[in-house]
Amino acid sequence: MKDTFKHQTVADRDDLAMYLRALADGLERGELPVAENGRSFSLNPRGLVNLTIKVRRKDGRNRVNLDLNWAEENIPTPLLDDLETGESE
């Protein structure tokens, strides 16, 4: 199933910081609800989350891209399971 949500706005630093804090709070809770124009769904990050930060400066313009991604299902990772339980093969 594919759901897409894109939010784009122009705001001051304080408002942007508030938006990013709300995302961080959602990550801590394990729930990222999104809604716009009557559509809504929720993402539920669990386990390890991959974070990529890309920063670019070009011709007097600056850009920061944040990308978070994770698998929806718990994918077994033997090494990680061993670390969590203290066991090894």
PDB file of N, CA and C in Angstrom:
ATOM      1  N   MET A   1       0.848  -1.176   0.000  1.00  0.00           N
ATOM      2  CA  MET A   1       0.000   0.000   0.000  1.00  0.00           C
ATOM      3  C   MET A   1       0.896   1.242   0.000  1.00  0.00           C
ATOM      4  N   LYS A   2       0.539   2.218  -0.790  1.00  0.00           N
ATOM      5  CA  LYS A   2       1.340   3.430  -0.878  1.00  0.00           C
ATOM      6  C   LYS A   2       0.477   4.628  -0.538  1.00  0.00           C
ATOM      7  N   ASP A   3       0.850   5.344   0.501  1.00  0.00           N
ATOM      8  CA  ASP A   3       0.247   6.617   0.857  1.00  0.00           C
ATOM      9  C   ASP A   3       1.338   7.662   0.770  1.00  0.00           C
ATOM     10  N   THR A   4       0.995   8.826   0.276  1.00  0.00           N
ATOM     11  CA  THR A   4       1.971   9.901   0.144  1.00  0.00           C
ATOM     12  C   THR A   4       1.429  11.158   0.795  1.00  0.00           C
ATOM     13  N   PHE A   5       2.289  11.851   1.486  1.00  0.00           N
ATOM     14  CA  PHE A   5       1.939  13.112   2.128  1.00  0.00           C
ATOM     15  C   PHE A   5       3.121  14.043   1.932  1.00  0.00           C
ATOM     16  N   LYS A   6       2.858  15.235   1.468  1.00  0.00           N
ATOM     17  CA  LYS A   6       3.920  16.226   1.317  1.00  0.00           C
ATOM     18  C   LYS A   6       3.428  17.532   1.905  1.00  0.00           C
ATOM     19  N   HIS A   7       4.230  18.089   2.792  1.00  0.00           N
ATOM     20  CA  HIS A   7       3.890  19.374   3.407  1.00  0.00           C
ATOM     21  C   HIS A   7       4.990  20.357   3.043  1.00  0.00           C
ATOM     22  N   GLN A   8       4.597  21.472   2.506  1.00  0.00           N
ATOM     23  CA  GLN A   8       5.565  22.499   2.140  1.00  0.00           C
ATOM     24  C   GLN A   8       5.027  23.833   2.624  1.00  0.00           C
ATOM     25  N   THR A   9       5.871  24.598   3.269  1.00  0.00           N
ATOM     26  CA  THR A   9       5.449  25.885   3.798  1.00  0.00           C
ATOM     27  C   THR A   9       6.640  26.828   3.875  1.00  0.00           C
ATOM     28  N   VAL A  10       6.353  28.085   4.004  1.00  0.00           N
ATOM     29  CA  VAL A  10       7.365  29.096   4.305  1.00  0.00           C
ATOM     30  C   VAL A  10       7.004  29.639   5.676  1.00  0.00           C
ATOM     31  N   ALA A  11       7.944  29.564   6.604  1.00  0.00           N
ATOM     32  CA  ALA A  11       7.665  29.976   7.980  1.00  0.00           C
ATOM     33  C   ALA A  11       8.931  30.540   8.600  1.00  0.00           C
ATOM     34  N   ASP A  12       8.772  31.194   9.748  1.00  0.00           N
ATOM     35  CA  ASP A  12       9.959  31.693  10.439  1.00  0.00           C
ATOM     36  C   ASP A  12      10.620  30.549  11.212  1.00  0.00           C
ATOM     37  N   ARG A  13      11.813  30.807  11.701  1.00  0.00           N
ATOM     38  CA  ARG A  13      12.587  29.756  12.384  1.00  0.00           C
ATOM     39  C   ARG A  13      11.854  29.181  13.576  1.00  0.00           C
ATOM     40  N   ASP A  14      11.174  30.024  14.350  1.00  0.00           N
ATOM     41  CA  ASP A  14      10.458  29.538  15.533  1.00  0.00           C
ATOM     42  C   ASP A  14       9.363  28.543  15.152  1.00  0.00           C
ATOM     43  N   ASP A  15       8.594  28.859  14.124  1.00  0.00           N
ATOM     44  CA  ASP A  15       7.533  27.945  13.690  1.00  0.00           C
ATOM     45  C   ASP A  15       8.119  26.641  13.136  1.00  0.00           C
ATOM     46  N   LEU A  16       9.211  26.747  12.380  1.00  0.00           N
ATOM     47  CA  LEU A  16       9.845  25.543  11.850  1.00  0.00           C
ATOM     48  C   LEU A  16      10.402  24.675  12.979  1.00  0.00           C
ATOM     49  N   ALA A  17      11.008  25.304  13.977  1.00  0.00           N
ATOM     50  CA  ALA A  17      11.533  24.559  15.124  1.00  0.00           C
ATOM     51  C   ALA A  17      10.397  23.843  15.857  1.00  0.00           C
ATOM     52  N   MET A  18       9.242  24.497  15.988  1.00  0.00           N
ATOM     53  CA  MET A  18       8.087  23.883  16.634  1.00  0.00           C
ATOM     54  C   MET A  18       7.619  22.655  15.846  1.00  0.00           C
ATOM     55  N   TYR A  19       7.606  22.753  14.520  1.00  0.00           N
ATOM     56  CA  TYR A  19       7.202  21.644  13.671  1.00  0.00           C
ATOM     57  C   TYR A  19       8.170  20.468  13.823  1.00  0.00           C
ATOM     58  N   LEU A  20       9.471  20.765  13.836  1.00  0.00           N
ATOM     59  CA  LEU A  20      10.468  19.712  14.006  1.00  0.00           C
ATOM     60  C   LEU A  20      10.385  19.074  15.393  1.00  0.00           C
ATOM     61  N   ARG A  21      10.068  19.873  16.433  1.00  0.00           N
ATOM     62  CA  ARG A  21       9.883  19.316  17.772  1.00  0.00           C
ATOM     63  C   ARG A  21       8.684  18.371  17.812  1.00  0.00           C
ATOM     64  N   ALA A  22       7.624  18.732  17.097  1.00  0.00           N
ATOM     65  CA  ALA A  22       6.450  17.858  17.033  1.00  0.00           C
ATOM     66  C   ALA A  22       6.810  16.529  16.372  1.00  0.00           C
ATOM     67  N   LEU A  23       7.638  16.570  15.323  1.00  0.00           N
ATOM     68  CA  LEU A  23       8.110  15.332  14.689  1.00  0.00           C
ATOM     69  C   LEU A  23       8.952  14.513  15.669  1.00  0.00           C
ATOM     70  N   ALA A  24       9.842  15.180  16.400  1.00  0.00           N
ATOM     71  CA  ALA A  24      10.681  14.484  17.374  1.00  0.00           C
ATOM     72  C   ALA A  24       9.822  13.853  18.469  1.00  0.00           C
ATOM     73  N   ASP A  25       8.820  14.572  18.942  1.00  0.00           N
ATOM     74  CA  ASP A  25       7.902  14.023  19.954  1.00  0.00           C
ATOM     75  C   ASP A  25       7.187  12.795  19.420  1.00  0.00           C
ATOM     76  N   GLY A  26       6.745  12.850  18.164  1.00  0.00           N
ATOM     77  CA  GLY A  26       6.078  11.713  17.538  1.00  0.00           C
ATOM     78  C   GLY A  26       7.002  10.512  17.425  1.00  0.00           C
ATOM     79  N   LEU A  27       8.273  10.756  17.097  1.00  0.00           N
ATOM     80  CA  LEU A  27       9.240   9.658  17.044  1.00  0.00           C
ATOM     81  C   LEU A  27       9.389   9.005  18.409  1.00  0.00           C
ATOM     82  N   GLU A  28       9.474   9.821  19.452  1.00  0.00           N
ATOM     83  CA  GLU A  28       9.599   9.271  20.803  1.00  0.00           C
ATOM     84  C   GLU A  28       8.377   8.450  21.191  1.00  0.00           C
ATOM     85  N   ARG A  29       7.203   8.894  20.801  1.00  0.00           N
ATOM     86  CA  ARG A  29       5.952   8.170  21.105  1.00  0.00           C
ATOM     87  C   ARG A  29       5.773   6.947  20.218  1.00  0.00           C
ATOM     88  N   GLY A  30       6.448   6.933  19.063  1.00  0.00           N
ATOM     89  CA  GLY A  30       6.278   5.838  18.117  1.00  0.00           C
ATOM     90  C   GLY A  30       5.066   6.017  17.232  1.00  0.00           C
ATOM     91  N   GLU A  31       4.635   7.271  17.074  1.00  0.00           N
ATOM     92  CA  GLU A  31       3.473   7.550  16.220  1.00  0.00           C
ATOM     93  C   GLU A  31       3.635   8.919  15.570  1.00  0.00           C
ATOM     94  N   LEU A  32       3.569   8.924  14.243  1.00  0.00           N
ATOM     95  CA  LEU A  32       3.655  10.170  13.487  1.00  0.00           C
ATOM     96  C   LEU A  32       2.365  10.351  12.692  1.00  0.00           C
ATOM     97  N   PRO A  33       1.357  10.982  13.293  1.00  0.00           N
ATOM     98  CA  PRO A  33       0.116  11.213  12.547  1.00  0.00           C
ATOM     99  C   PRO A  33       0.289  12.394  11.596  1.00  0.00           C
ATOM    100  N   VAL A  34      -0.236  12.254  10.390  1.00  0.00           N
ATOM    101  CA  VAL A  34      -0.201  13.338   9.408  1.00  0.00           C
ATOM    102  C   VAL A  34      -1.598  13.525   8.835  1.00  0.00           C
ATOM    103  N   ALA A  35      -1.941  14.768   8.554  1.00  0.00           N
ATOM    104  CA  ALA A  35      -3.265  15.054   8.002  1.00  0.00           C
ATOM    105  C   ALA A  35      -3.213  16.350   7.222  1.00  0.00           C
ATOM    106  N   GLU A  36      -3.963  16.369   6.130  1.00  0.00           N
ATOM    107  CA  GLU A  36      -4.099  17.584   5.332  1.00  0.00           C
ATOM    108  C   GLU A  36      -5.225  17.372   4.332  1.00  0.00           C
ATOM    109  N   ASN A  37      -6.032  18.394   4.149  1.00  0.00           N
ATOM    110  CA  ASN A  37      -7.141  18.352   3.193  1.00  0.00           C
ATOM    111  C   ASN A  37      -8.064  17.143   3.392  1.00  0.00           C
ATOM    112  N   GLY A  38      -8.370  16.827   4.649  1.00  0.00           N
ATOM    113  CA  GLY A  38      -9.302  15.738   4.937  1.00  0.00           C
ATOM    114  C   GLY A  38      -8.704  14.347   4.861  1.00  0.00           C
ATOM    115  N   ARG A  39      -7.471  14.217   4.441  1.00  0.00           N
ATOM    116  CA  ARG A  39      -6.787  12.915   4.404  1.00  0.00           C
ATOM    117  C   ARG A  39      -5.888  12.801   5.612  1.00  0.00           C
ATOM    118  N   SER A  40      -5.858  11.623   6.187  1.00  0.00           N
ATOM    119  CA  SER A  40      -4.949  11.425   7.314  1.00  0.00           C
ATOM    120  C   SER A  40      -4.508   9.966   7.392  1.00  0.00           C
ATOM    121  N   PHE A  41      -3.337   9.767   7.898  1.00  0.00           N
ATOM    122  CA  PHE A  41      -2.843   8.443   8.231  1.00  0.00           C
ATOM    123  C   PHE A  41      -1.725   8.611   9.250  1.00  0.00           C
ATOM    124  N   SER A  42      -1.275   7.510   9.798  1.00  0.00           N
ATOM    125  CA  SER A  42      -0.268   7.563  10.839  1.00  0.00           C
ATOM    126  C   SER A  42       0.855   6.584  10.520  1.00  0.00           C
ATOM    127  N   LEU A  43       2.073   7.015  10.755  1.00  0.00           N
ATOM    128  CA  LEU A  43       3.237   6.154  10.623  1.00  0.00           C
ATOM    129  C   LEU A  43       3.688   5.765  12.027  1.00  0.00           C
ATOM    130  N   ASN A  44       4.156   4.539  12.168  1.00  0.00           N
ATOM    131  CA  ASN A  44       4.542   4.039  13.481  1.00  0.00           C
ATOM    132  C   ASN A  44       5.968   3.513  13.464  1.00  0.00           C
ATOM    133  N   PRO A  45       6.950   4.409  13.663  1.00  0.00           N
ATOM    134  CA  PRO A  45       8.345   3.965  13.657  1.00  0.00           C
ATOM    135  C   PRO A  45       8.638   3.039  14.836  1.00  0.00           C
ATOM    136  N   ARG A  46       9.231   1.901  14.542  1.00  0.00           N
ATOM    137  CA  ARG A  46       9.607   0.922  15.559  1.00  0.00           C
ATOM    138  C   ARG A  46      11.029   0.470  15.270  1.00  0.00           C
ATOM    139  N   GLY A  47      11.727   0.096  16.296  1.00  0.00           N
ATOM    140  CA  GLY A  47      13.076  -0.440  16.114  1.00  0.00           C
ATOM    141  C   GLY A  47      14.041   0.610  15.603  1.00  0.00           C
ATOM    142  N   LEU A  48      14.935   0.177  14.758  1.00  0.00           N
ATOM    143  CA  LEU A  48      15.956   1.074  14.229  1.00  0.00           C
ATOM    144  C   LEU A  48      15.394   1.928  13.100  1.00  0.00           C
ATOM    145  N   VAL A  49      15.755   3.204  13.127  1.00  0.00           N
ATOM    146  CA  VAL A  49      15.331   4.154  12.095  1.00  0.00           C
ATOM    147  C   VAL A  49      16.594   4.688  11.426  1.00  0.00           C
ATOM    148  N   ASN A  50      16.613   4.647  10.101  1.00  0.00           N
ATOM    149  CA  ASN A  50      17.747   5.162   9.349  1.00  0.00           C
ATOM    150  C   ASN A  50      17.557   6.665   9.143  1.00  0.00           C
ATOM    151  N   LEU A  51      18.572   7.446   9.484  1.00  0.00           N
ATOM    152  CA  LEU A  51      18.538   8.899   9.325  1.00  0.00           C
ATOM    153  C   LEU A  51      19.634   9.313   8.358  1.00  0.00           C
ATOM    154  N   THR A  52      19.254  10.075   7.339  1.00  0.00           N
ATOM    155  CA  THR A  52      20.213  10.663   6.412  1.00  0.00           C
ATOM    156  C   THR A  52      20.000  12.175   6.440  1.00  0.00           C
ATOM    157  N   ILE A  53      21.071  12.908   6.657  1.00  0.00           N
ATOM    158  CA  ILE A  53      21.022  14.374   6.636  1.00  0.00           C
ATOM    159  C   ILE A  53      21.918  14.836   5.496  1.00  0.00           C
ATOM    160  N   LYS A  54      21.344  15.620   4.613  1.00  0.00           N
ATOM    161  CA  LYS A  54      22.096  16.143   3.479  1.00  0.00           C
ATOM    162  C   LYS A  54      22.030  17.670   3.539  1.00  0.00           C
ATOM    163  N   VAL A  55      23.191  18.310   3.505  1.00  0.00           N
ATOM    164  CA  VAL A  55      23.280  19.767   3.580  1.00  0.00           C
ATOM    165  C   VAL A  55      23.977  20.257   2.323  1.00  0.00           C
ATOM    166  N   ARG A  56      23.420  21.320   1.749  1.00  0.00           N
ATOM    167  CA  ARG A  56      23.996  21.849   0.513  1.00  0.00           C
ATOM    168  C   ARG A  56      23.949  23.377   0.538  1.00  0.00           C
ATOM    169  N   ARG A  57      25.015  23.972   0.057  1.00  0.00           N
ATOM    170  CA  ARG A  57      25.074  25.432  -0.111  1.00  0.00           C
ATOM    171  C   ARG A  57      25.502  25.677  -1.546  1.00  0.00           C
ATOM    172  N   LYS A  58      24.696  26.447  -2.272  1.00  0.00           N
ATOM    173  CA  LYS A  58      25.013  26.716  -3.679  1.00  0.00           C
ATOM    174  C   LYS A  58      24.437  28.068  -4.075  1.00  0.00           C
ATOM    175  N   ASP A  59      25.278  28.894  -4.639  1.00  0.00           N
ATOM    176  CA  ASP A  59      24.856  30.202  -5.168  1.00  0.00           C
ATOM    177  C   ASP A  59      24.053  31.012  -4.158  1.00  0.00           C
ATOM    178  N   GLY A  60      24.501  31.046  -2.905  1.00  0.00           N
ATOM    179  CA  GLY A  60      23.832  31.840  -1.886  1.00  0.00           C
ATOM    180  C   GLY A  60      22.558  31.227  -1.332  1.00  0.00           C
ATOM    181  N   ARG A  61      22.229  30.012  -1.721  1.00  0.00           N
ATOM    182  CA  ARG A  61      21.036  29.303  -1.227  1.00  0.00           C
ATOM    183  C   ARG A  61      21.503  28.123  -0.388  1.00  0.00           C
ATOM    184  N   ASN A  62      20.775  27.831   0.669  1.00  0.00           N
ATOM    185  CA  ASN A  62      21.125  26.729   1.564  1.00  0.00           C
ATOM    186  C   ASN A  62      19.977  25.740   1.620  1.00  0.00           C
ATOM    187  N   ARG A  63      20.329  24.465   1.798  1.00  0.00           N
ATOM    188  CA  ARG A  63      19.302  23.422   1.862  1.00  0.00           C
ATOM    189  C   ARG A  63      19.739  22.358   2.855  1.00  0.00           C
ATOM    190  N   VAL A  64      18.793  21.918   3.669  1.00  0.00           N
ATOM    191  CA  VAL A  64      18.998  20.789   4.571  1.00  0.00           C
ATOM    192  C   VAL A  64      17.864  19.807   4.312  1.00  0.00           C
ATOM    193  N   ASN A  65      18.213  18.584   3.932  1.00  0.00           N
ATOM    194  CA  ASN A  65      17.221  17.529   3.722  1.00  0.00           C
ATOM    195  C   ASN A  65      17.388  16.489   4.823  1.00  0.00           C
ATOM    196  N   LEU A  66      16.286  16.148   5.463  1.00  0.00           N
ATOM    197  CA  LEU A  66      16.275  15.084   6.459  1.00  0.00           C
ATOM    198  C   LEU A  66      15.457  13.937   5.895  1.00  0.00           C
ATOM    199  N   ASP A  67      15.999  12.753   5.954  1.00  0.00           N
ATOM    200  CA  ASP A  67      15.292  11.576   5.470  1.00  0.00           C
ATOM    201  C   ASP A  67      15.318  10.517   6.572  1.00  0.00           C
ATOM    202  N   LEU A  68      14.136  10.110   7.012  1.00  0.00           N
ATOM    203  CA  LEU A  68      13.996   9.047   8.004  1.00  0.00           C
ATOM    204  C   LEU A  68      13.299   7.891   7.326  1.00  0.00           C
ATOM    205  N   ASN A  69      13.795   6.683   7.516  1.00  0.00           N
ATOM    206  CA  ASN A  69      13.077   5.536   6.976  1.00  0.00           C
ATOM    207  C   ASN A  69      13.296   4.318   7.854  1.00  0.00           C
ATOM    208  N   TRP A  70      12.303   3.437   7.827  1.00  0.00           N
ATOM    209  CA  TRP A  70      12.328   2.227   8.633  1.00  0.00           C
ATOM    210  C   TRP A  70      11.394   1.209   8.008  1.00  0.00           C
ATOM    211  N   ALA A  71      11.585  -0.032   8.369  1.00  0.00           N
ATOM    212  CA  ALA A  71      10.717  -1.104   7.901  1.00  0.00           C
ATOM    213  C   ALA A  71       9.482  -1.151   8.797  1.00  0.00           C
ATOM    214  N   GLU A  72       8.326  -1.407   8.202  1.00  0.00           N
ATOM    215  CA  GLU A  72       7.099  -1.500   8.993  1.00  0.00           C
ATOM    216  C   GLU A  72       7.049  -2.768   9.820  1.00  0.00           C
ATOM    217  N   GLU A  73       7.635  -3.819   9.311  1.00  0.00           N
ATOM    218  CA  GLU A  73       7.623  -5.078  10.046  1.00  0.00           C
ATOM    219  C   GLU A  73       8.952  -5.253  10.749  1.00  0.00           C
ATOM    220  N   ASN A  74       8.920  -5.991  11.834  1.00  0.00           N
ATOM    221  CA  ASN A  74      10.137  -6.285  12.574  1.00  0.00           C
ATOM    222  C   ASN A  74      10.960  -7.288  11.787  1.00  0.00           C
ATOM    223  N   ILE A  75      12.028  -6.840  11.175  1.00  0.00           N
ATOM    224  CA  ILE A  75      12.898  -7.713  10.400  1.00  0.00           C
ATOM    225  C   ILE A  75      13.970  -8.256  11.345  1.00  0.00           C
ATOM    226  N   PRO A  76      14.077  -9.593  11.488  1.00  0.00           N
ATOM    227  CA  PRO A  76      15.051 -10.137  12.427  1.00  0.00           C
ATOM    228  C   PRO A  76      16.483  -9.788  12.032  1.00  0.00           C
ATOM    229  N   THR A  77      17.235  -9.360  13.001  1.00  0.00           N
ATOM    230  CA  THR A  77      18.653  -9.073  12.793  1.00  0.00           C
ATOM    231  C   THR A  77      19.417  -9.850  13.859  1.00  0.00           C
ATOM    232  N   PRO A  78      19.975 -11.026  13.523  1.00  0.00           N
ATOM    233  CA  PRO A  78      20.615 -11.890  14.518  1.00  0.00           C
ATOM    234  C   PRO A  78      21.648 -11.180  15.378  1.00  0.00           C
ATOM    235  N   LEU A  79      22.513 -10.364  14.779  1.00  0.00           N
ATOM    236  CA  LEU A  79      23.534  -9.685  15.560  1.00  0.00           C
ATOM    237  C   LEU A  79      22.892  -8.748  16.572  1.00  0.00           C
ATOM    238  N   LEU A  80      21.908  -7.975  16.162  1.00  0.00           N
ATOM    239  CA  LEU A  80      21.230  -7.064  17.069  1.00  0.00           C
ATOM    240  C   LEU A  80      20.497  -7.843  18.158  1.00  0.00           C
ATOM    241  N   ASP A  81      19.834  -8.948  17.795  1.00  0.00           N
ATOM    242  CA  ASP A  81      19.142  -9.774  18.790  1.00  0.00           C
ATOM    243  C   ASP A  81      20.129 -10.293  19.818  1.00  0.00           C
ATOM    244  N   ASP A  82      21.337 -10.706  19.376  1.00  0.00           N
ATOM    245  CA  ASP A  82      22.346 -11.194  20.295  1.00  0.00           C
ATOM    246  C   ASP A  82      22.789 -10.095  21.267  1.00  0.00           C
ATOM    247  N   LEU A  83      22.942  -8.882  20.755  1.00  0.00           N
ATOM    248  CA  LEU A  83      23.353  -7.770  21.617  1.00  0.00           C
ATOM    249  C   LEU A  83      22.277  -7.471  22.657  1.00  0.00           C
ATOM    250  N   GLU A  84      21.026  -7.524  22.256  1.00  0.00           N
ATOM    251  CA  GLU A  84      19.930  -7.203  23.166  1.00  0.00           C
ATOM    252  C   GLU A  84      19.764  -8.257  24.253  1.00  0.00           C
ATOM    253  N   THR A  85      20.010  -9.536  23.935  1.00  0.00           N
ATOM    254  CA  THR A  85      19.823 -10.606  24.917  1.00  0.00           C
ATOM    255  C   THR A  85      21.108 -10.996  25.622  1.00  0.00           C
ATOM    256  N   GLY A  86      22.235 -10.493  25.099  1.00  0.00           N
ATOM    257  CA  GLY A  86      23.523 -10.825  25.705  1.00  0.00           C
ATOM    258  C   GLY A  86      24.034 -12.182  25.269  1.00  0.00           C
ATOM    259  N   GLU A  87      23.402 -12.811  24.291  1.00  0.00           N
ATOM    260  CA  GLU A  87      23.813 -14.122  23.802  1.00  0.00           C
ATOM    261  C   GLU A  87      24.631 -13.972  22.533  1.00  0.00           C
ATOM    262  N   SER A  88      25.401 -14.986  22.232  1.00  0.00           N
ATOM    263  CA  SER A  88      26.102 -15.028  20.956  1.00  0.00           C
ATOM    264  C   SER A  88      26.233 -16.479  20.535  1.00  0.00           C
ATOM    265  N   GLU A  89      26.465 -16.680  19.223  1.00  0.00           N
ATOM    266  CA  GLU A  89      26.558 -18.048  18.695  1.00  0.00           C
ATOM    267  C   GLU A  89      27.923 -18.634  18.904  1.00  0.00           C
TER     268      GLU A  89
END
